[in-house]
Protein backbone atom coordinates (compact mmCIF):
# COMPACT_ATOMS: atom_id res chain seq x y z
CA MET A 1 7.60 -16.01 -38.06
CA SER A 2 10.41 -14.98 -35.70
CA GLN A 3 11.67 -11.41 -35.68
CA LEU A 4 15.29 -10.44 -36.41
CA LEU A 5 15.93 -9.14 -32.89
CA GLU A 6 13.58 -11.18 -30.76
CA GLY A 7 14.66 -11.04 -27.12
CA LYS A 8 17.41 -8.45 -27.68
CA VAL A 9 17.88 -5.11 -25.90
CA ALA A 10 19.24 -1.99 -27.62
CA ILE A 11 20.45 1.46 -26.57
CA VAL A 12 19.88 4.15 -29.20
CA THR A 13 21.32 7.59 -28.52
CA GLY A 14 19.53 10.66 -29.84
CA SER A 15 16.35 8.66 -30.36
CA ALA A 16 13.81 11.44 -29.79
CA SER A 17 13.70 12.45 -33.46
CA GLY A 18 15.00 11.85 -36.97
CA ILE A 19 17.16 8.86 -37.76
CA GLY A 20 17.53 7.83 -34.11
CA GLN A 21 13.77 7.74 -33.58
CA SER A 22 13.29 5.66 -36.72
CA ILE A 23 16.02 3.22 -35.63
CA ALA A 24 14.55 2.81 -32.14
CA ILE A 25 11.06 2.09 -33.47
CA HIS A 26 12.30 -0.27 -36.19
CA LEU A 27 14.40 -2.27 -33.72
CA ALA A 28 11.29 -2.68 -31.57
CA GLN A 29 9.30 -3.81 -34.60
CA GLN A 30 11.98 -6.46 -35.07
CA GLY A 31 11.56 -7.69 -31.50
CA ALA A 32 13.99 -5.65 -29.38
CA ASP A 33 13.37 -3.75 -26.17
CA VAL A 34 14.89 -0.27 -26.51
CA MET A 35 16.38 2.36 -24.23
CA VAL A 36 15.39 5.79 -25.57
CA ASP A 37 18.02 8.46 -24.98
CA TYR A 38 17.24 12.17 -25.33
CA VAL A 39 18.38 15.65 -24.30
CA GLY A 40 16.05 18.55 -23.49
CA PRO A 41 12.25 18.46 -23.87
CA GLN A 42 10.68 15.01 -23.47
CA ASP A 43 8.03 15.28 -26.19
CA GLY A 44 9.90 13.47 -28.95
CA ALA A 45 11.29 10.85 -26.58
CA LEU A 46 7.83 10.11 -25.23
CA GLN A 47 6.56 9.69 -28.81
CA THR A 48 9.36 7.21 -29.49
CA LYS A 49 8.61 5.37 -26.25
CA ALA A 50 4.90 5.13 -27.09
CA ALA A 51 5.65 3.84 -30.60
CA ILE A 52 7.98 1.17 -29.16
CA GLU A 53 5.40 0.07 -26.61
CA ALA A 54 2.75 -0.07 -29.35
CA THR A 55 4.79 -2.92 -30.89
CA GLY A 56 4.50 -4.86 -27.64
CA ARG A 57 8.13 -4.28 -26.66
CA LYS A 58 9.49 -2.54 -23.57
CA ALA A 59 10.93 0.98 -23.74
CA GLY A 60 13.24 2.58 -21.22
CA LEU A 61 13.72 6.33 -21.02
CA CYS A 62 16.84 8.27 -20.00
CA GLU A 63 17.89 11.88 -20.44
CA ALA A 64 21.62 11.69 -21.11
CA ASP A 65 23.95 14.13 -22.86
CA VAL A 66 26.60 11.89 -24.43
CA SER A 67 29.20 14.66 -24.22
CA ARG A 68 29.12 14.31 -20.41
CA LEU A 69 30.78 11.21 -18.96
CA PRO A 70 28.52 10.97 -15.88
CA ASP A 71 25.50 10.97 -18.23
CA VAL A 72 27.10 8.28 -20.39
CA GLN A 73 27.60 5.99 -17.41
CA ARG A 74 24.08 6.71 -16.16
CA LEU A 75 22.61 5.79 -19.55
CA VAL A 76 24.26 2.38 -19.41
CA ASP A 77 23.36 1.85 -15.77
CA GLU A 78 19.73 2.85 -16.37
CA THR A 79 19.49 0.44 -19.30
CA TRP A 80 20.54 -2.47 -17.11
CA THR A 81 18.20 -1.25 -14.33
CA GLN A 82 15.14 -0.64 -16.53
CA LEU A 83 15.59 -3.35 -19.17
CA GLY A 84 17.85 -5.90 -17.51
CA ARG A 85 20.77 -5.77 -19.94
CA ALA A 86 21.76 -4.59 -23.42
CA ASP A 87 23.04 -6.46 -26.47
CA ILE A 88 23.12 -3.63 -29.04
CA LEU A 89 24.50 -0.09 -28.89
CA VAL A 90 23.62 2.43 -31.60
CA ASN A 91 25.75 5.58 -31.39
CA ASN A 92 23.42 7.87 -33.32
CA ALA A 93 23.48 11.26 -31.55
CA GLY A 94 25.37 13.85 -33.55
CA VAL A 95 25.62 17.57 -34.35
CA GLU A 96 27.22 19.85 -36.92
CA LYS A 97 28.21 23.53 -37.07
CA ASN A 98 28.44 25.53 -40.29
CA ALA A 99 31.39 27.95 -40.27
CA ALA A 100 34.35 28.91 -42.41
CA PHE A 101 37.51 27.34 -41.01
CA VAL A 102 38.96 30.73 -40.04
CA ASP A 103 35.81 31.54 -38.03
CA VAL A 104 35.47 28.31 -36.00
CA THR A 105 35.45 29.01 -32.25
CA GLU A 106 36.87 26.71 -29.60
CA HIS A 107 33.39 26.41 -28.08
CA ASP A 108 31.81 25.24 -31.33
CA TYR A 109 34.70 22.89 -32.08
CA ASP A 110 34.40 21.29 -28.62
CA PHE A 111 30.61 21.05 -28.98
CA VAL A 112 30.88 19.01 -32.19
CA ILE A 113 33.83 16.85 -31.13
CA ASP A 114 32.44 16.10 -27.66
CA ILE A 115 29.08 14.87 -28.96
CA ASN A 116 30.22 13.19 -32.17
CA ILE A 117 33.33 11.30 -31.07
CA LYS A 118 34.08 11.71 -27.35
CA GLY A 119 30.54 10.60 -26.49
CA PRO A 120 30.54 7.45 -28.66
CA PHE A 121 34.05 6.57 -27.43
CA PHE A 122 33.16 6.57 -23.74
CA LEU A 123 29.63 5.22 -24.17
CA THR A 124 31.05 2.30 -26.13
CA GLN A 125 33.63 1.79 -23.39
CA ALA A 126 30.95 1.69 -20.67
CA PHE A 127 28.80 -0.68 -22.77
CA VAL A 128 31.72 -3.03 -23.52
CA ARG A 129 32.73 -3.17 -19.86
CA ARG A 130 29.26 -4.48 -19.07
CA LEU A 131 29.45 -7.05 -21.86
CA ILE A 132 32.84 -8.27 -20.64
CA ALA A 133 31.59 -8.58 -17.07
CA ALA A 134 28.64 -10.67 -18.28
CA LYS A 135 30.79 -12.63 -20.79
CA SER A 136 28.27 -11.62 -23.47
CA PRO A 137 28.70 -10.88 -27.17
CA GLY A 138 27.38 -7.61 -28.58
CA ARG A 139 26.77 -5.37 -31.55
CA ILE A 140 27.98 -1.77 -31.88
CA LEU A 141 26.60 0.36 -34.73
CA ASN A 142 27.83 3.91 -35.25
CA ILE A 143 25.76 6.28 -37.35
CA SER A 144 28.61 8.02 -39.10
CA SER A 145 28.29 10.04 -42.33
CA VAL A 146 29.46 10.10 -45.92
CA HIS A 147 31.71 12.84 -44.55
CA GLU A 148 33.93 10.30 -42.83
CA ASP A 149 35.38 10.19 -46.37
CA MET A 150 33.83 12.99 -48.43
CA VAL A 151 34.92 16.63 -48.08
CA PHE A 152 32.42 19.13 -46.67
CA PRO A 153 33.81 22.70 -46.69
CA HIS A 154 32.66 24.86 -43.76
CA PHE A 155 32.06 21.71 -41.67
CA THR A 156 35.65 20.73 -40.86
CA SER A 157 35.05 19.81 -37.21
CA TYR A 158 32.16 17.58 -38.29
CA CYS A 159 34.34 15.81 -40.87
CA ILE A 160 37.10 15.37 -38.28
CA SER A 161 34.63 13.76 -35.88
CA LYS A 162 33.27 11.37 -38.50
CA GLY A 163 36.76 10.48 -39.72
CA GLY A 164 37.62 9.71 -36.10
CA MET A 165 34.55 7.52 -35.81
CA ARG A 166 35.72 5.55 -38.85
CA MET A 167 39.10 4.80 -37.27
CA MET A 168 37.56 4.06 -33.87
CA MET A 169 35.29 1.50 -35.54
CA ARG A 170 38.19 -0.16 -37.38
CA ASN A 171 40.36 -0.37 -34.26
CA LEU A 172 37.60 -1.70 -32.06
CA ALA A 173 36.51 -4.29 -34.62
CA VAL A 174 39.97 -5.84 -34.27
CA GLU A 175 40.35 -5.36 -30.52
CA LEU A 176 36.84 -6.51 -29.56
CA GLY A 177 36.33 -9.20 -32.19
CA PRO A 178 37.82 -11.96 -29.99
CA LEU A 179 35.14 -11.11 -27.41
CA GLY A 180 32.34 -11.72 -29.93
CA ILE A 181 31.62 -8.00 -30.27
CA THR A 182 31.11 -6.63 -33.78
CA VAL A 183 31.61 -2.95 -34.66
CA ASN A 184 30.40 -1.29 -37.86
CA ASN A 185 29.58 2.17 -39.20
CA ILE A 186 26.57 3.20 -41.24
CA ALA A 187 27.26 6.36 -43.26
CA PRO A 188 24.12 8.22 -44.38
CA GLY A 189 24.15 10.81 -47.12
CA ALA A 190 21.33 13.36 -47.44
CA ILE A 191 18.39 12.07 -45.41
CA ASN A 192 14.89 13.51 -45.06
CA THR A 193 14.97 14.51 -41.39
CA PRO A 194 14.16 17.65 -39.35
CA ILE A 195 17.85 18.69 -39.45
CA ASN A 196 17.40 19.28 -43.20
CA THR A 197 14.24 21.41 -42.93
CA SER A 198 15.99 24.53 -44.29
CA LEU A 199 17.42 22.53 -47.20
CA LEU A 200 14.00 21.14 -48.10
CA ALA A 201 12.60 24.69 -48.16
CA ASP A 202 15.40 25.99 -50.43
CA LYS A 203 14.35 24.56 -53.80
CA PRO A 204 17.40 25.70 -55.83
CA LYS A 205 19.78 24.26 -53.23
CA LEU A 206 17.74 21.07 -52.93
CA ASN A 207 17.60 20.60 -56.69
CA ALA A 208 21.38 21.10 -56.97
CA LEU A 209 21.88 18.38 -54.36
CA LEU A 210 19.42 16.00 -56.02
CA ALA A 211 21.30 16.47 -59.30
CA ASN A 212 24.33 14.92 -57.55
CA ILE A 213 22.36 11.89 -56.30
CA PRO A 214 22.05 9.20 -58.99
CA LEU A 215 18.86 7.82 -57.42
CA GLY A 216 17.36 11.32 -57.58
CA ARG A 217 15.91 11.53 -54.08
CA LEU A 218 16.81 12.05 -50.45
CA GLY A 219 17.06 8.98 -48.26
CA GLU A 220 14.49 8.20 -45.60
CA PRO A 221 15.27 7.38 -41.95
CA THR A 222 13.80 3.92 -42.52
CA ASP A 223 16.56 3.26 -45.07
CA ILE A 224 19.07 3.59 -42.23
CA ALA A 225 17.00 1.74 -39.65
CA ALA A 226 16.59 -1.37 -41.80
CA LEU A 227 20.36 -1.81 -42.15
CA VAL A 228 20.91 -1.23 -38.43
CA ALA A 229 18.48 -4.05 -37.65
CA PHE A 230 20.18 -6.42 -40.09
CA LEU A 231 23.70 -5.72 -38.78
CA ALA A 232 22.47 -6.03 -35.18
CA SER A 233 20.86 -9.40 -35.85
CA ASP A 234 22.33 -12.89 -36.11
CA HIS A 235 22.47 -12.34 -39.89
CA GLY A 236 25.20 -9.77 -39.21
CA SER A 237 27.27 -11.95 -36.89
CA TYR A 238 30.21 -12.27 -39.31
CA ILE A 239 30.24 -8.61 -40.38
CA THR A 240 32.62 -6.27 -38.59
CA GLY A 241 35.09 -3.48 -39.26
CA SER A 242 33.29 -1.87 -42.19
CA THR A 243 31.39 1.25 -43.17
CA TYR A 244 28.12 0.83 -45.08
CA VAL A 245 27.24 3.91 -47.13
CA ILE A 246 23.56 4.76 -47.66
CA ASP A 247 23.53 7.80 -49.92
CA GLY A 248 21.78 6.99 -53.20
CA GLY A 249 25.16 7.09 -54.96
CA LEU A 250 26.05 10.65 -53.81
CA MET A 251 29.68 9.88 -52.93
CA ARG A 252 30.35 8.41 -56.36
CA ASN A 253 28.85 11.38 -58.20
CA TYR A 254 29.48 14.42 -55.99
CA HIS A 255 31.00 17.58 -57.44
CA GLU A 256 31.76 20.48 -55.11
CA GLN A 257 30.12 23.67 -56.39
């Protein structure tokens, strides 16, 4: 039985932990070679690399901070050097900062915007330039958030960045479609990842959140990874310009406390 992504090569940013790690491993399980991107200590990235190689696929490794343009270009160049090419780009790396609007600093605003929207913009540009040069089609998947649409008080810069990612996706789907390049967003809700460790430990807060989720549970990183693989495969070849929400119904039932 053939795999969804047999013979494909993917770049997954922020793939040393959480959703990005799950995506990278799942794409390998579906037949893709994967470039693992990370920032800081290598431990998580090496775990991702080992899990990919355990599937029989190749794994590249590159430390690249997507907020820095030289790093973005190096990530693309290293993918072509280590893995020969790339067909799929997953813009997963992202951050958030909790602060009342009146307390947001320029440093924290720039930190969120640079990683969440500037990075995906220029990484996508570098990736697409390579595809155009090779006259190759491609798949671009952005890991957005329910907060590209849903309000999130005290996280205004995060919401701005995800709203920007929504419009970037829509524009590029139209502009790049004639080149055979599809562009879609996947918008997770509350997912069981290390970034939510404090939430998981705060039972009253967790229970209040779960009460807003019709399915009554947090999502798992594998829920996101499975849709990434489908949209990146030939089955997703006629799907572009859309956001796919994975939130257990949260957006349809959310009430700000």
